[in-house]
Amino acid sequence: RIRRLQRQMRKRRMLEDVKRAAVVITNPTEFAVALEYGPQLSA
């Protein structure tokens, strides 16, 4: 149960971080990868 809660917390945190993304690369239906880029990031 602790592991499930930890996974749920990581999932919510990850979905919250999608809002900072500059683009989302899709498969189009199977995969989705959100990328963040800005002047403060080297890549």
PDB file of all heavy atoms in Angstrom:
ATOM      1  N   ARG A   1       0.829  -1.205   0.000  1.00  0.00           N
ATOM      2  CA  ARG A   1       0.000   0.000   0.000  1.00  0.00           C
ATOM      3  C   ARG A   1       0.869   1.263   0.000  1.00  0.00           C
ATOM      4  O   ARG A   1       0.553   2.244  -0.676  1.00  0.00           O
ATOM      5  CB  ARG A   1      -0.913  -0.002   1.222  1.00  0.00           C
ATOM      6  CG  ARG A   1      -1.786   1.237   1.322  1.00  0.00           C
ATOM      7  CD  ARG A   1      -2.802   1.121   2.432  1.00  0.00           C
ATOM      8  NE  ARG A   1      -3.561   2.348   2.602  1.00  0.00           N
ATOM      9  CZ  ARG A   1      -4.573   2.714   1.832  1.00  0.00           C
ATOM     10  NH1 ARG A   1      -4.944   1.939   0.832  1.00  0.00           N
ATOM     11  NH2 ARG A   1      -5.212   3.840   2.050  1.00  0.00           N
ATOM     12  N   ILE A   2       1.982   1.211   0.750  1.00  0.00           N
ATOM     13  CA  ILE A   2       2.886   2.363   0.768  1.00  0.00           C
ATOM     14  C   ILE A   2       3.464   2.604  -0.628  1.00  0.00           C
ATOM     15  O   ILE A   2       3.565   3.753  -1.096  1.00  0.00           O
ATOM     16  CB  ILE A   2       4.010   2.145   1.801  1.00  0.00           C
ATOM     17  CG1 ILE A   2       3.416   2.156   3.215  1.00  0.00           C
ATOM     18  CG2 ILE A   2       5.093   3.204   1.667  1.00  0.00           C
ATOM     19  CD1 ILE A   2       4.411   1.830   4.302  1.00  0.00           C
ATOM     20  N   ARG A   3       3.856   1.510  -1.301  1.00  0.00           N
ATOM     21  CA  ARG A   3       4.392   1.669  -2.655  1.00  0.00           C
ATOM     22  C   ARG A   3       3.343   2.226  -3.610  1.00  0.00           C
ATOM     23  O   ARG A   3       3.657   3.058  -4.473  1.00  0.00           O
ATOM     24  CB  ARG A   3       4.921   0.325  -3.158  1.00  0.00           C
ATOM     25  CG  ARG A   3       6.237  -0.105  -2.526  1.00  0.00           C
ATOM     26  CD  ARG A   3       6.855  -1.245  -3.309  1.00  0.00           C
ATOM     27  NE  ARG A   3       6.045  -2.458  -3.199  1.00  0.00           N
ATOM     28  CZ  ARG A   3       6.237  -3.406  -2.293  1.00  0.00           C
ATOM     29  NH1 ARG A   3       7.205  -3.268  -1.398  1.00  0.00           N
ATOM     30  NH2 ARG A   3       5.469  -4.481  -2.265  1.00  0.00           N
ATOM     31  N   ARG A   4       2.102   1.757  -3.459  1.00  0.00           N
ATOM     32  CA  ARG A   4       1.041   2.295  -4.324  1.00  0.00           C
ATOM     33  C   ARG A   4       0.840   3.777  -4.077  1.00  0.00           C
ATOM     34  O   ARG A   4       0.669   4.573  -5.022  1.00  0.00           O
ATOM     35  CB  ARG A   4      -0.260   1.524  -4.082  1.00  0.00           C
ATOM     36  CG  ARG A   4      -0.263   0.119  -4.662  1.00  0.00           C
ATOM     37  CD  ARG A   4      -1.666  -0.441  -4.709  1.00  0.00           C
ATOM     38  NE  ARG A   4      -2.278  -0.510  -3.385  1.00  0.00           N
ATOM     39  CZ  ARG A   4      -2.167  -1.554  -2.569  1.00  0.00           C
ATOM     40  NH1 ARG A   4      -1.440  -2.610  -2.936  1.00  0.00           N
ATOM     41  NH2 ARG A   4      -2.760  -1.558  -1.386  1.00  0.00           N
ATOM     42  N   LEU A   5       0.835   4.184  -2.817  1.00  0.00           N
ATOM     43  CA  LEU A   5       0.676   5.606  -2.503  1.00  0.00           C
ATOM     44  C   LEU A   5       1.840   6.419  -3.049  1.00  0.00           C
ATOM     45  O   LEU A   5       1.652   7.547  -3.547  1.00  0.00           O
ATOM     46  CB  LEU A   5       0.557   5.796  -0.986  1.00  0.00           C
ATOM     47  CG  LEU A   5      -0.710   5.229  -0.332  1.00  0.00           C
ATOM     48  CD1 LEU A   5      -0.638   5.375   1.182  1.00  0.00           C
ATOM     49  CD2 LEU A   5      -1.955   5.924  -0.871  1.00  0.00           C
ATOM     50  N   GLN A   6       3.060   5.859  -2.943  1.00  0.00           N
ATOM     51  CA  GLN A   6       4.212   6.576  -3.480  1.00  0.00           C
ATOM     52  C   GLN A   6       4.114   6.727  -4.993  1.00  0.00           C
ATOM     53  O   GLN A   6       4.442   7.793  -5.539  1.00  0.00           O
ATOM     54  CB  GLN A   6       5.495   5.837  -3.092  1.00  0.00           C
ATOM     55  CG  GLN A   6       5.818   5.900  -1.608  1.00  0.00           C
ATOM     56  CD  GLN A   6       7.017   5.046  -1.249  1.00  0.00           C
ATOM     57  OE1 GLN A   6       7.457   4.209  -2.036  1.00  0.00           O
ATOM     58  NE2 GLN A   6       7.556   5.259  -0.059  1.00  0.00           N
ATOM     59  N   ARG A   7       3.654   5.655  -5.682  1.00  0.00           N
ATOM     60  CA  ARG A   7       3.490   5.759  -7.133  1.00  0.00           C
ATOM     61  C   ARG A   7       2.441   6.792  -7.496  1.00  0.00           C
ATOM     62  O   ARG A   7       2.596   7.564  -8.456  1.00  0.00           O
ATOM     63  CB  ARG A   7       3.121   4.395  -7.710  1.00  0.00           C
ATOM     64  CG  ARG A   7       4.270   3.406  -7.749  1.00  0.00           C
ATOM     65  CD  ARG A   7       3.936   2.238  -8.663  1.00  0.00           C
ATOM     66  NE  ARG A   7       2.790   1.485  -8.169  1.00  0.00           N
ATOM     67  CZ  ARG A   7       2.865   0.426  -7.375  1.00  0.00           C
ATOM     68  NH1 ARG A   7       4.062   0.009  -6.959  1.00  0.00           N
ATOM     69  NH2 ARG A   7       1.782  -0.223  -6.983  1.00  0.00           N
ATOM     70  N   GLN A   8       1.344   6.816  -6.736  1.00  0.00           N
ATOM     71  CA  GLN A   8       0.298   7.798  -7.006  1.00  0.00           C
ATOM     72  C   GLN A   8       0.812   9.227  -6.795  1.00  0.00           C
ATOM     73  O   GLN A   8       0.487  10.130  -7.578  1.00  0.00           O
ATOM     74  CB  GLN A   8      -0.911   7.530  -6.117  1.00  0.00           C
ATOM     75  CG  GLN A   8      -1.645   6.227  -6.441  1.00  0.00           C
ATOM     76  CD  GLN A   8      -2.754   5.938  -5.474  1.00  0.00           C
ATOM     77  OE1 GLN A   8      -3.031   6.724  -4.556  1.00  0.00           O
ATOM     78  NE2 GLN A   8      -3.407   4.785  -5.644  1.00  0.00           N
ATOM     79  N   MET A   9       1.624   9.419  -5.739  1.00  0.00           N
ATOM     80  CA  MET A   9       2.171  10.751  -5.499  1.00  0.00           C
ATOM     81  C   MET A   9       3.120  11.156  -6.622  1.00  0.00           C
ATOM     82  O   MET A   9       3.102  12.312  -7.084  1.00  0.00           O
ATOM     83  CB  MET A   9       2.903  10.770  -4.151  1.00  0.00           C
ATOM     84  CG  MET A   9       1.986  10.636  -2.937  1.00  0.00           C
ATOM     85  SD  MET A   9       2.901  10.573  -1.386  1.00  0.00           S
ATOM     86  CE  MET A   9       3.689  12.172  -1.397  1.00  0.00           C
ATOM     87  N   ARG A  10       3.978  10.210  -7.041  1.00  0.00           N
ATOM     88  CA  ARG A  10       4.887  10.541  -8.156  1.00  0.00           C
ATOM     89  C   ARG A  10       4.104  10.829  -9.426  1.00  0.00           C
ATOM     90  O   ARG A  10       4.462  11.730 -10.206  1.00  0.00           O
ATOM     91  CB  ARG A  10       5.866   9.377  -8.372  1.00  0.00           C
ATOM     92  CG  ARG A  10       6.913   9.242  -7.301  1.00  0.00           C
ATOM     93  CD  ARG A  10       8.032   8.320  -7.777  1.00  0.00           C
ATOM     94  NE  ARG A  10       7.548   6.962  -8.009  1.00  0.00           N
ATOM     95  CZ  ARG A  10       7.569   5.987  -7.107  1.00  0.00           C
ATOM     96  NH1 ARG A  10       8.045   6.246  -5.881  1.00  0.00           N
ATOM     97  NH2 ARG A  10       7.126   4.783  -7.400  1.00  0.00           N
ATOM     98  N   LYS A  11       3.027  10.075  -9.647  1.00  0.00           N
ATOM     99  CA  LYS A  11       2.215  10.299 -10.841  1.00  0.00           C
ATOM    100  C   LYS A  11       1.573  11.675 -10.808  1.00  0.00           C
ATOM    101  O   LYS A  11       1.588  12.416 -11.816  1.00  0.00           O
ATOM    102  CB  LYS A  11       1.153   9.218 -10.940  1.00  0.00           C
ATOM    103  CG  LYS A  11       0.206   9.376 -12.115  1.00  0.00           C
ATOM    104  CD  LYS A  11      -0.862   8.303 -12.100  1.00  0.00           C
ATOM    105  CE  LYS A  11      -1.887   8.523 -13.186  1.00  0.00           C
ATOM    106  NZ  LYS A  11      -2.973   7.508 -13.150  1.00  0.00           N
ATOM    107  N   ARG A  12       1.004  12.064  -9.652  1.00  0.00           N
ATOM    108  CA  ARG A  12       0.384  13.398  -9.560  1.00  0.00           C
ATOM    109  C   ARG A  12       1.417  14.504  -9.740  1.00  0.00           C
ATOM    110  O   ARG A  12       1.148  15.520 -10.394  1.00  0.00           O
ATOM    111  CB  ARG A  12      -0.321  13.533  -8.213  1.00  0.00           C
ATOM    112  CG  ARG A  12      -1.612  12.735  -8.103  1.00  0.00           C
ATOM    113  CD  ARG A  12      -2.439  13.221  -6.938  1.00  0.00           C
ATOM    114  NE  ARG A  12      -1.750  13.000  -5.672  1.00  0.00           N
ATOM    115  CZ  ARG A  12      -1.917  11.905  -4.904  1.00  0.00           C
ATOM    116  NH1 ARG A  12      -2.726  10.939  -5.309  1.00  0.00           N
ATOM    117  NH2 ARG A  12      -1.266  11.771  -3.774  1.00  0.00           N
ATOM    118  N   ARG A  13       2.603  14.308  -9.136  1.00  0.00           N
ATOM    119  CA  ARG A  13       3.649  15.316  -9.286  1.00  0.00           C
ATOM    120  C   ARG A  13       4.093  15.428 -10.743  1.00  0.00           C
ATOM    121  O   ARG A  13       4.343  16.536 -11.259  1.00  0.00           O
ATOM    122  CB  ARG A  13       4.832  14.955  -8.389  1.00  0.00           C
ATOM    123  CG  ARG A  13       5.880  16.071  -8.286  1.00  0.00           C
ATOM    124  CD  ARG A  13       7.047  15.661  -7.406  1.00  0.00           C
ATOM    125  NE  ARG A  13       6.608  15.245  -6.086  1.00  0.00           N
ATOM    126  CZ  ARG A  13       6.709  13.997  -5.629  1.00  0.00           C
ATOM    127  NH1 ARG A  13       7.218  13.052  -6.397  1.00  0.00           N
ATOM    128  NH2 ARG A  13       6.312  13.701  -4.412  1.00  0.00           N
ATOM    129  N   MET A  14       4.189  14.273 -11.414  1.00  0.00           N
ATOM    130  CA  MET A  14       4.609  14.281 -12.813  1.00  0.00           C
ATOM    131  C   MET A  14       3.565  14.973 -13.691  1.00  0.00           C
ATOM    132  O   MET A  14       3.908  15.782 -14.579  1.00  0.00           O
ATOM    133  CB  MET A  14       4.844  12.842 -13.283  1.00  0.00           C
ATOM    134  CG  MET A  14       5.343  12.726 -14.708  1.00  0.00           C
ATOM    135  SD  MET A  14       5.534  11.008 -15.235  1.00  0.00           S
ATOM    136  CE  MET A  14       3.809  10.499 -15.270  1.00  0.00           C
ATOM    137  N   LEU A  15       2.280  14.664 -13.459  1.00  0.00           N
ATOM    138  CA  LEU A  15       1.235  15.304 -14.252  1.00  0.00           C
ATOM    139  C   LEU A  15       1.175  16.801 -13.972  1.00  0.00           C
ATOM    140  O   LEU A  15       0.828  17.593 -14.872  1.00  0.00           O
ATOM    141  CB  LEU A  15      -0.116  14.640 -13.958  1.00  0.00           C
ATOM    142  CG  LEU A  15      -0.247  13.173 -14.395  1.00  0.00           C
ATOM    143  CD1 LEU A  15      -1.596  12.618 -13.972  1.00  0.00           C
ATOM    144  CD2 LEU A  15      -0.067  13.048 -15.908  1.00  0.00           C
ATOM    145  N   GLU A  16       1.501  17.187 -12.760  1.00  0.00           N
ATOM    146  CA  GLU A  16       1.530  18.618 -12.445  1.00  0.00           C
ATOM    147  C   GLU A  16       2.673  19.304 -13.184  1.00  0.00           C
ATOM    148  O   GLU A  16       2.552  20.481 -13.600  1.00  0.00           O
ATOM    149  CB  GLU A  16       1.666  18.805 -10.944  1.00  0.00           C
ATOM    150  CG  GLU A  16       1.589  20.248 -10.476  1.00  0.00           C
ATOM    151  CD  GLU A  16       0.190  20.839 -10.663  1.00  0.00           C
ATOM    152  OE1 GLU A  16      -0.791  20.065 -10.740  1.00  0.00           O
ATOM    153  OE2 GLU A  16       0.105  22.080 -10.720  1.00  0.00           O
ATOM    154  N   ASP A  17       3.795  18.573 -13.364  1.00  0.00           N
ATOM    155  CA  ASP A  17       4.941  19.155 -14.066  1.00  0.00           C
ATOM    156  C   ASP A  17       4.689  19.299 -15.567  1.00  0.00           C
ATOM    157  O   ASP A  17       5.449  19.988 -16.254  1.00  0.00           O
ATOM    158  CB  ASP A  17       6.183  18.292 -13.838  1.00  0.00           C
ATOM    159  CG  ASP A  17       6.662  18.334 -12.397  1.00  0.00           C
ATOM    160  OD1 ASP A  17       6.294  19.288 -11.683  1.00  0.00           O
ATOM    161  OD2 ASP A  17       7.375  17.401 -11.973  1.00  0.00           O
ATOM    162  N   VAL A  18       3.655  18.626 -16.101  1.00  0.00           N
ATOM    163  CA  VAL A  18       3.350  18.761 -17.535  1.00  0.00           C
ATOM    164  C   VAL A  18       3.050  20.216 -17.878  1.00  0.00           C
ATOM    165  O   VAL A  18       3.315  20.680 -19.011  1.00  0.00           O
ATOM    166  CB  VAL A  18       2.171  17.842 -17.922  1.00  0.00           C
ATOM    167  CG1 VAL A  18       1.753  18.068 -19.379  1.00  0.00           C
ATOM    168  CG2 VAL A  18       2.556  16.386 -17.717  1.00  0.00           C
ATOM    169  N   LYS A  19       2.531  20.974 -16.938  1.00  0.00           N
ATOM    170  CA  LYS A  19       2.166  22.365 -17.199  1.00  0.00           C
ATOM    171  C   LYS A  19       3.382  23.218 -17.556  1.00  0.00           C
ATOM    172  O   LYS A  19       3.226  24.288 -18.150  1.00  0.00           O
ATOM    173  CB  LYS A  19       1.449  22.962 -15.989  1.00  0.00           C
ATOM    174  CG  LYS A  19       0.160  22.238 -15.638  1.00  0.00           C
ATOM    175  CD  LYS A  19      -0.470  22.816 -14.381  1.00  0.00           C
ATOM    176  CE  LYS A  19      -1.751  22.072 -14.006  1.00  0.00           C
ATOM    177  NZ  LYS A  19      -2.380  22.610 -12.762  1.00  0.00           N
ATOM    178  N   ARG A  20       4.604  22.750 -17.177  1.00  0.00           N
ATOM    179  CA  ARG A  20       5.811  23.518 -17.505  1.00  0.00           C
ATOM    180  C   ARG A  20       6.383  23.130 -18.864  1.00  0.00           C
ATOM    181  O   ARG A  20       7.368  23.728 -19.317  1.00  0.00           O
ATOM    182  CB  ARG A  20       6.893  23.280 -16.449  1.00  0.00           C
ATOM    183  CG  ARG A  20       6.466  23.534 -15.015  1.00  0.00           C
ATOM    184  CD  ARG A  20       7.689  23.723 -14.125  1.00  0.00           C
ATOM    185  NE  ARG A  20       8.705  22.711 -14.364  1.00  0.00           N
ATOM    186  CZ  ARG A  20       8.860  21.582 -13.660  1.00  0.00           C
ATOM    187  NH1 ARG A  20       8.002  21.314 -12.660  1.00  0.00           N
ATOM    188  NH2 ARG A  20       9.828  20.740 -13.937  1.00  0.00           N
ATOM    189  N   ALA A  21       5.808  22.144 -19.512  1.00  0.00           N
ATOM    190  CA  ALA A  21       6.388  21.626 -20.751  1.00  0.00           C
ATOM    191  C   ALA A  21       6.250  22.632 -21.891  1.00  0.00           C
ATOM    192  O   ALA A  21       5.300  23.416 -21.959  1.00  0.00           O
ATOM    193  CB  ALA A  21       5.718  20.307 -21.126  1.00  0.00           C
ATOM    194  N   ALA A  22       7.225  22.568 -22.796  1.00  0.00           N
ATOM    195  CA  ALA A  22       7.182  23.400 -24.005  1.00  0.00           C
ATOM    196  C   ALA A  22       6.520  22.665 -25.151  1.00  0.00           C
ATOM    197  O   ALA A  22       5.938  23.287 -26.042  1.00  0.00           O
ATOM    198  CB  ALA A  22       8.599  23.820 -24.392  1.00  0.00           C
ATOM    199  N   VAL A  23       6.593  21.327 -25.136  1.00  0.00           N
ATOM    200  CA  VAL A  23       6.003  20.527 -26.198  1.00  0.00           C
ATOM    201  C   VAL A  23       5.762  19.117 -25.650  1.00  0.00           C
ATOM    202  O   VAL A  23       6.453  18.664 -24.745  1.00  0.00           O
ATOM    203  CB  VAL A  23       6.918  20.477 -27.441  1.00  0.00           C
ATOM    204  CG1 VAL A  23       8.240  19.790 -27.120  1.00  0.00           C
ATOM    205  CG2 VAL A  23       6.219  19.787 -28.612  1.00  0.00           C
ATOM    206  N   VAL A  24       4.780  18.420 -26.214  1.00  0.00           N
ATOM    207  CA  VAL A  24       4.506  17.024 -25.883  1.00  0.00           C
ATOM    208  C   VAL A  24       4.630  16.223 -27.161  1.00  0.00           C
ATOM    209  O   VAL A  24       3.905  16.457 -28.137  1.00  0.00           O
ATOM    210  CB  VAL A  24       3.102  16.851 -25.257  1.00  0.00           C
ATOM    211  CG1 VAL A  24       2.791  15.367 -25.059  1.00  0.00           C
ATOM    212  CG2 VAL A  24       3.014  17.599 -23.932  1.00  0.00           C
ATOM    213  N   ILE A  25       5.573  15.279 -27.173  1.00  0.00           N
ATOM    214  CA  ILE A  25       5.798  14.409 -28.324  1.00  0.00           C
ATOM    215  C   ILE A  25       4.929  13.161 -28.126  1.00  0.00           C
ATOM    216  O   ILE A  25       5.002  12.495 -27.074  1.00  0.00           O
ATOM    217  CB  ILE A  25       7.281  14.009 -28.457  1.00  0.00           C
ATOM    218  CG1 ILE A  25       8.176  15.247 -28.359  1.00  0.00           C
ATOM    219  CG2 ILE A  25       7.528  13.260 -29.740  1.00  0.00           C
ATOM    220  CD1 ILE A  25       7.955  16.257 -29.445  1.00  0.00           C
ATOM    221  N   THR A  26       4.108  12.812 -29.137  1.00  0.00           N
ATOM    222  CA  THR A  26       3.197  11.680 -29.015  1.00  0.00           C
ATOM    223  C   THR A  26       3.476  10.640 -30.079  1.00  0.00           C
ATOM    224  O   THR A  26       4.186  10.888 -31.045  1.00  0.00           O
ATOM    225  CB  THR A  26       1.737  12.142 -29.120  1.00  0.00           C
ATOM    226  OG1 THR A  26       1.515  12.675 -30.436  1.00  0.00           O
ATOM    227  CG2 THR A  26       1.424  13.199 -28.082  1.00  0.00           C
ATOM    228  N   ASN A  27       2.811   9.469 -29.886  1.00  0.00           N
ATOM    229  CA  ASN A  27       3.067   8.299 -30.738  1.00  0.00           C
ATOM    230  C   ASN A  27       2.169   8.140 -31.972  1.00  0.00           C
ATOM    231  O   ASN A  27       2.623   7.421 -32.897  1.00  0.00           O
ATOM    232  CB  ASN A  27       2.990   7.028 -29.897  1.00  0.00           C
ATOM    233  CG  ASN A  27       3.622   5.837 -30.602  1.00  0.00           C
ATOM    234  OD1 ASN A  27       4.421   5.979 -31.509  1.00  0.00           O
ATOM    235  ND2 ASN A  27       3.234   4.658 -30.214  1.00  0.00           N
ATOM    236  N   PRO A  28       0.950   8.458 -32.079  1.00  0.00           N
ATOM    237  CA  PRO A  28       0.200   9.461 -31.293  1.00  0.00           C
ATOM    238  C   PRO A  28      -0.667   8.919 -30.150  1.00  0.00           C
ATOM    239  O   PRO A  28      -1.119   9.700 -29.321  1.00  0.00           O
ATOM    240  CB  PRO A  28      -0.705  10.067 -32.359  1.00  0.00           C
ATOM    241  CG  PRO A  28      -0.986   8.927 -33.270  1.00  0.00           C
ATOM    242  CD  PRO A  28       0.240   8.088 -33.321  1.00  0.00           C
ATOM    243  N   THR A  29      -0.935   7.607 -30.083  1.00  0.00           N
ATOM    244  CA  THR A  29      -1.901   7.134 -29.071  1.00  0.00           C
ATOM    245  C   THR A  29      -1.231   6.385 -27.921  1.00  0.00           C
ATOM    246  O   THR A  29      -1.728   6.394 -26.792  1.00  0.00           O
ATOM    247  CB  THR A  29      -2.932   6.212 -29.732  1.00  0.00           C
ATOM    248  OG1 THR A  29      -2.267   5.114 -30.363  1.00  0.00           O
ATOM    249  CG2 THR A  29      -3.753   6.981 -30.759  1.00  0.00           C
ATOM    250  N   GLU A  30      -0.089   5.753 -28.195  1.00  0.00           N
ATOM    251  CA  GLU A  30       0.468   4.875 -27.163  1.00  0.00           C
ATOM    252  C   GLU A  30       1.391   5.617 -26.223  1.00  0.00           C
ATOM    253  O   GLU A  30       1.324   5.442 -25.004  1.00  0.00           O
ATOM    254  CB  GLU A  30       1.225   3.718 -27.819  1.00  0.00           C
ATOM    255  CG  GLU A  30       1.716   2.690 -26.810  1.00  0.00           C
ATOM    256  CD  GLU A  30       2.424   1.540 -27.497  1.00  0.00           C
ATOM    257  OE1 GLU A  30       2.572   1.576 -28.733  1.00  0.00           O
ATOM    258  OE2 GLU A  30       2.838   0.599 -26.784  1.00  0.00           O
ATOM    259  N   PHE A  31       2.289   6.465 -26.764  1.00  0.00           N
ATOM    260  CA  PHE A  31       3.291   7.146 -25.945  1.00  0.00           C
ATOM    261  C   PHE A  31       3.027   8.637 -25.935  1.00  0.00           C
ATOM    262  O   PHE A  31       2.481   9.204 -26.891  1.00  0.00           O
ATOM    263  CB  PHE A  31       4.708   6.896 -26.493  1.00  0.00           C
ATOM    264  CG  PHE A  31       5.132   5.465 -26.415  1.00  0.00           C
ATOM    265  CD1 PHE A  31       5.153   4.677 -27.560  1.00  0.00           C
ATOM    266  CD2 PHE A  31       5.506   4.887 -25.207  1.00  0.00           C
ATOM    267  CE1 PHE A  31       5.549   3.361 -27.500  1.00  0.00           C
ATOM    268  CE2 PHE A  31       5.890   3.568 -25.148  1.00  0.00           C
ATOM    269  CZ  PHE A  31       5.910   2.798 -26.296  1.00  0.00           C
ATOM    270  N   ALA A  32       3.487   9.281 -24.833  1.00  0.00           N
ATOM    271  CA  ALA A  32       3.463  10.744 -24.731  1.00  0.00           C
ATOM    272  C   ALA A  32       4.615  11.154 -23.835  1.00  0.00           C
ATOM    273  O   ALA A  32       4.759  10.636 -22.719  1.00  0.00           O
ATOM    274  CB  ALA A  32       2.138  11.238 -24.161  1.00  0.00           C
ATOM    275  N   VAL A  33       5.440  12.076 -24.347  1.00  0.00           N
ATOM    276  CA  VAL A  33       6.615  12.543 -23.606  1.00  0.00           C
ATOM    277  C   VAL A  33       6.565  14.071 -23.606  1.00  0.00           C
ATOM    278  O   VAL A  33       6.546  14.706 -24.683  1.00  0.00           O
ATOM    279  CB  VAL A  33       7.928  12.053 -24.235  1.00  0.00           C
ATOM    280  CG1 VAL A  33       9.123  12.571 -23.433  1.00  0.00           C
ATOM    281  CG2 VAL A  33       7.950  10.538 -24.321  1.00  0.00           C
ATOM    282  N   ALA A  34       6.548  14.649 -22.377  1.00  0.00           N
ATOM    283  CA  ALA A  34       6.497  16.100 -22.234  1.00  0.00           C
ATOM    284  C   ALA A  34       7.909  16.622 -22.017  1.00  0.00           C
ATOM    285  O   ALA A  34       8.630  16.127 -21.141  1.00  0.00           O
ATOM    286  CB  ALA A  34       5.592  16.485 -21.067  1.00  0.00           C
ATOM    287  N   LEU A  35       8.311  17.638 -22.848  1.00  0.00           N
ATOM    288  CA  LEU A  35       9.657  18.197 -22.784  1.00  0.00           C
ATOM    289  C   LEU A  35       9.583  19.641 -22.319  1.00  0.00           C
ATOM    290  O   LEU A  35       8.742  20.421 -22.783  1.00  0.00           O
ATOM    291  CB  LEU A  35      10.336  18.129 -24.143  1.00  0.00           C
ATOM    292  CG  LEU A  35      10.559  16.728 -24.733  1.00  0.00           C
ATOM    293  CD1 LEU A  35      11.176  16.842 -26.120  1.00  0.00           C
ATOM    294  CD2 LEU A  35      11.430  15.900 -23.817  1.00  0.00           C
ATOM    295  N   GLU A  36      10.475  19.997 -21.399  1.00  0.00           N
ATOM    296  CA  GLU A  36      10.607  21.375 -20.929  1.00  0.00           C
ATOM    297  C   GLU A  36      11.912  21.942 -21.457  1.00  0.00           C
ATOM    298  O   GLU A  36      12.940  21.260 -21.435  1.00  0.00           O
ATOM    299  CB  GLU A  36      10.591  21.427 -19.407  1.00  0.00           C
ATOM    300  CG  GLU A  36      10.756  22.830 -18.839  1.00  0.00           C
ATOM    301  CD  GLU A  36      10.905  22.841 -17.322  1.00  0.00           C
ATOM    302  OE1 GLU A  36      11.101  21.741 -16.758  1.00  0.00           O
ATOM    303  OE2 GLU A  36      10.846  23.925 -16.729  1.00  0.00           O
ATOM    304  N   TYR A  37      11.859  23.211 -21.918  1.00  0.00           N
ATOM    305  CA  TYR A  37      13.079  23.861 -22.378  1.00  0.00           C
ATOM    306  C   TYR A  37      12.957  25.355 -22.139  1.00  0.00           C
ATOM    307  O   TYR A  37      11.893  25.949 -22.312  1.00  0.00           O
ATOM    308  CB  TYR A  37      13.332  23.601 -23.872  1.00  0.00           C
ATOM    309  CG  TYR A  37      14.617  24.211 -24.352  1.00  0.00           C
ATOM    310  CD1 TYR A  37      15.834  23.710 -23.923  1.00  0.00           C
ATOM    311  CD2 TYR A  37      14.604  25.310 -25.215  1.00  0.00           C
ATOM    312  CE1 TYR A  37      17.021  24.278 -24.349  1.00  0.00           C
ATOM    313  CE2 TYR A  37      15.787  25.878 -25.654  1.00  0.00           C
ATOM    314  CZ  TYR A  37      16.998  25.360 -25.212  1.00  0.00           C
ATOM    315  OH  TYR A  37      18.167  25.934 -25.622  1.00  0.00           O
ATOM    316  N   GLY A  38      14.064  25.929 -21.711  1.00  0.00           N
ATOM    317  CA  GLY A  38      14.101  27.351 -21.462  1.00  0.00           C
ATOM    318  C   GLY A  38      15.526  27.830 -21.353  1.00  0.00           C
ATOM    319  O   GLY A  38      16.477  27.023 -21.399  1.00  0.00           O
ATOM    320  N   PRO A  39      15.734  29.136 -21.226  1.00  0.00           N
ATOM    321  CA  PRO A  39      17.102  29.676 -21.152  1.00  0.00           C
ATOM    322  C   PRO A  39      17.905  29.126 -19.976  1.00  0.00           C
ATOM    323  O   PRO A  39      19.142  29.048 -20.043  1.00  0.00           O
ATOM    324  CB  PRO A  39      16.863  31.181 -21.008  1.00  0.00           C
ATOM    325  CG  PRO A  39      15.482  31.397 -21.545  1.00  0.00           C
ATOM    326  CD  PRO A  39      14.711  30.167 -21.216  1.00  0.00           C
ATOM    327  N   GLN A  40      17.212  28.747 -18.886  1.00  0.00           N
ATOM    328  CA  GLN A  40      17.929  28.253 -17.712  1.00  0.00           C
ATOM    329  C   GLN A  40      18.358  26.799 -17.845  1.00  0.00           C
ATOM    330  O   GLN A  40      19.097  26.290 -16.998  1.00  0.00           O
ATOM    331  CB  GLN A  40      17.049  28.413 -16.460  1.00  0.00           C
ATOM    332  CG  GLN A  40      15.885  27.444 -16.358  1.00  0.00           C
ATOM    333  CD  GLN A  40      14.681  27.873 -17.192  1.00  0.00           C
ATOM    334  OE1 GLN A  40      14.775  28.842 -17.964  1.00  0.00           O
ATOM    335  NE2 GLN A  40      13.570  27.166 -17.036  1.00  0.00           N
ATOM    336  N   LEU A  41      17.931  26.118 -18.897  1.00  0.00           N
ATOM    337  CA  LEU A  41      18.261  24.711 -19.103  1.00  0.00           C
ATOM    338  C   LEU A  41      19.276  24.569 -20.217  1.00  0.00           C
ATOM    339  O   LEU A  41      19.174  25.225 -21.258  1.00  0.00           O
ATOM    340  CB  LEU A  41      17.000  23.901 -19.452  1.00  0.00           C
ATOM    341  CG  LEU A  41      15.906  23.847 -18.381  1.00  0.00           C
ATOM    342  CD1 LEU A  41      14.671  23.103 -18.902  1.00  0.00           C
ATOM    343  CD2 LEU A  41      16.418  23.189 -17.099  1.00  0.00           C
ATOM    344  N   SER A  42      20.264  23.696 -20.007  1.00  0.00           N
ATOM    345  CA  SER A  42      21.279  23.474 -21.033  1.00  0.00           C
ATOM    346  C   SER A  42      20.771  22.606 -22.162  1.00  0.00           C
ATOM    347  O   SER A  42      21.307  22.638 -23.276  1.00  0.00           O
ATOM    348  CB  SER A  42      22.523  22.820 -20.405  1.00  0.00           C
ATOM    349  OG  SER A  42      22.169  21.573 -19.789  1.00  0.00           O
ATOM    350  N   ALA A  43      19.758  21.773 -21.895  1.00  0.00           N
ATOM    351  CA  ALA A  43      19.190  20.887 -22.919  1.00  0.00           C
ATOM    352  C   ALA A  43      17.746  20.604 -22.547  1.00  0.00           C
ATOM    353  O   ALA A  43      17.343  20.722 -21.383  1.00  0.00           O
ATOM    354  CB  ALA A  43      19.994  19.595 -23.011  1.00  0.00           C
TER     355      ALA A  43
END
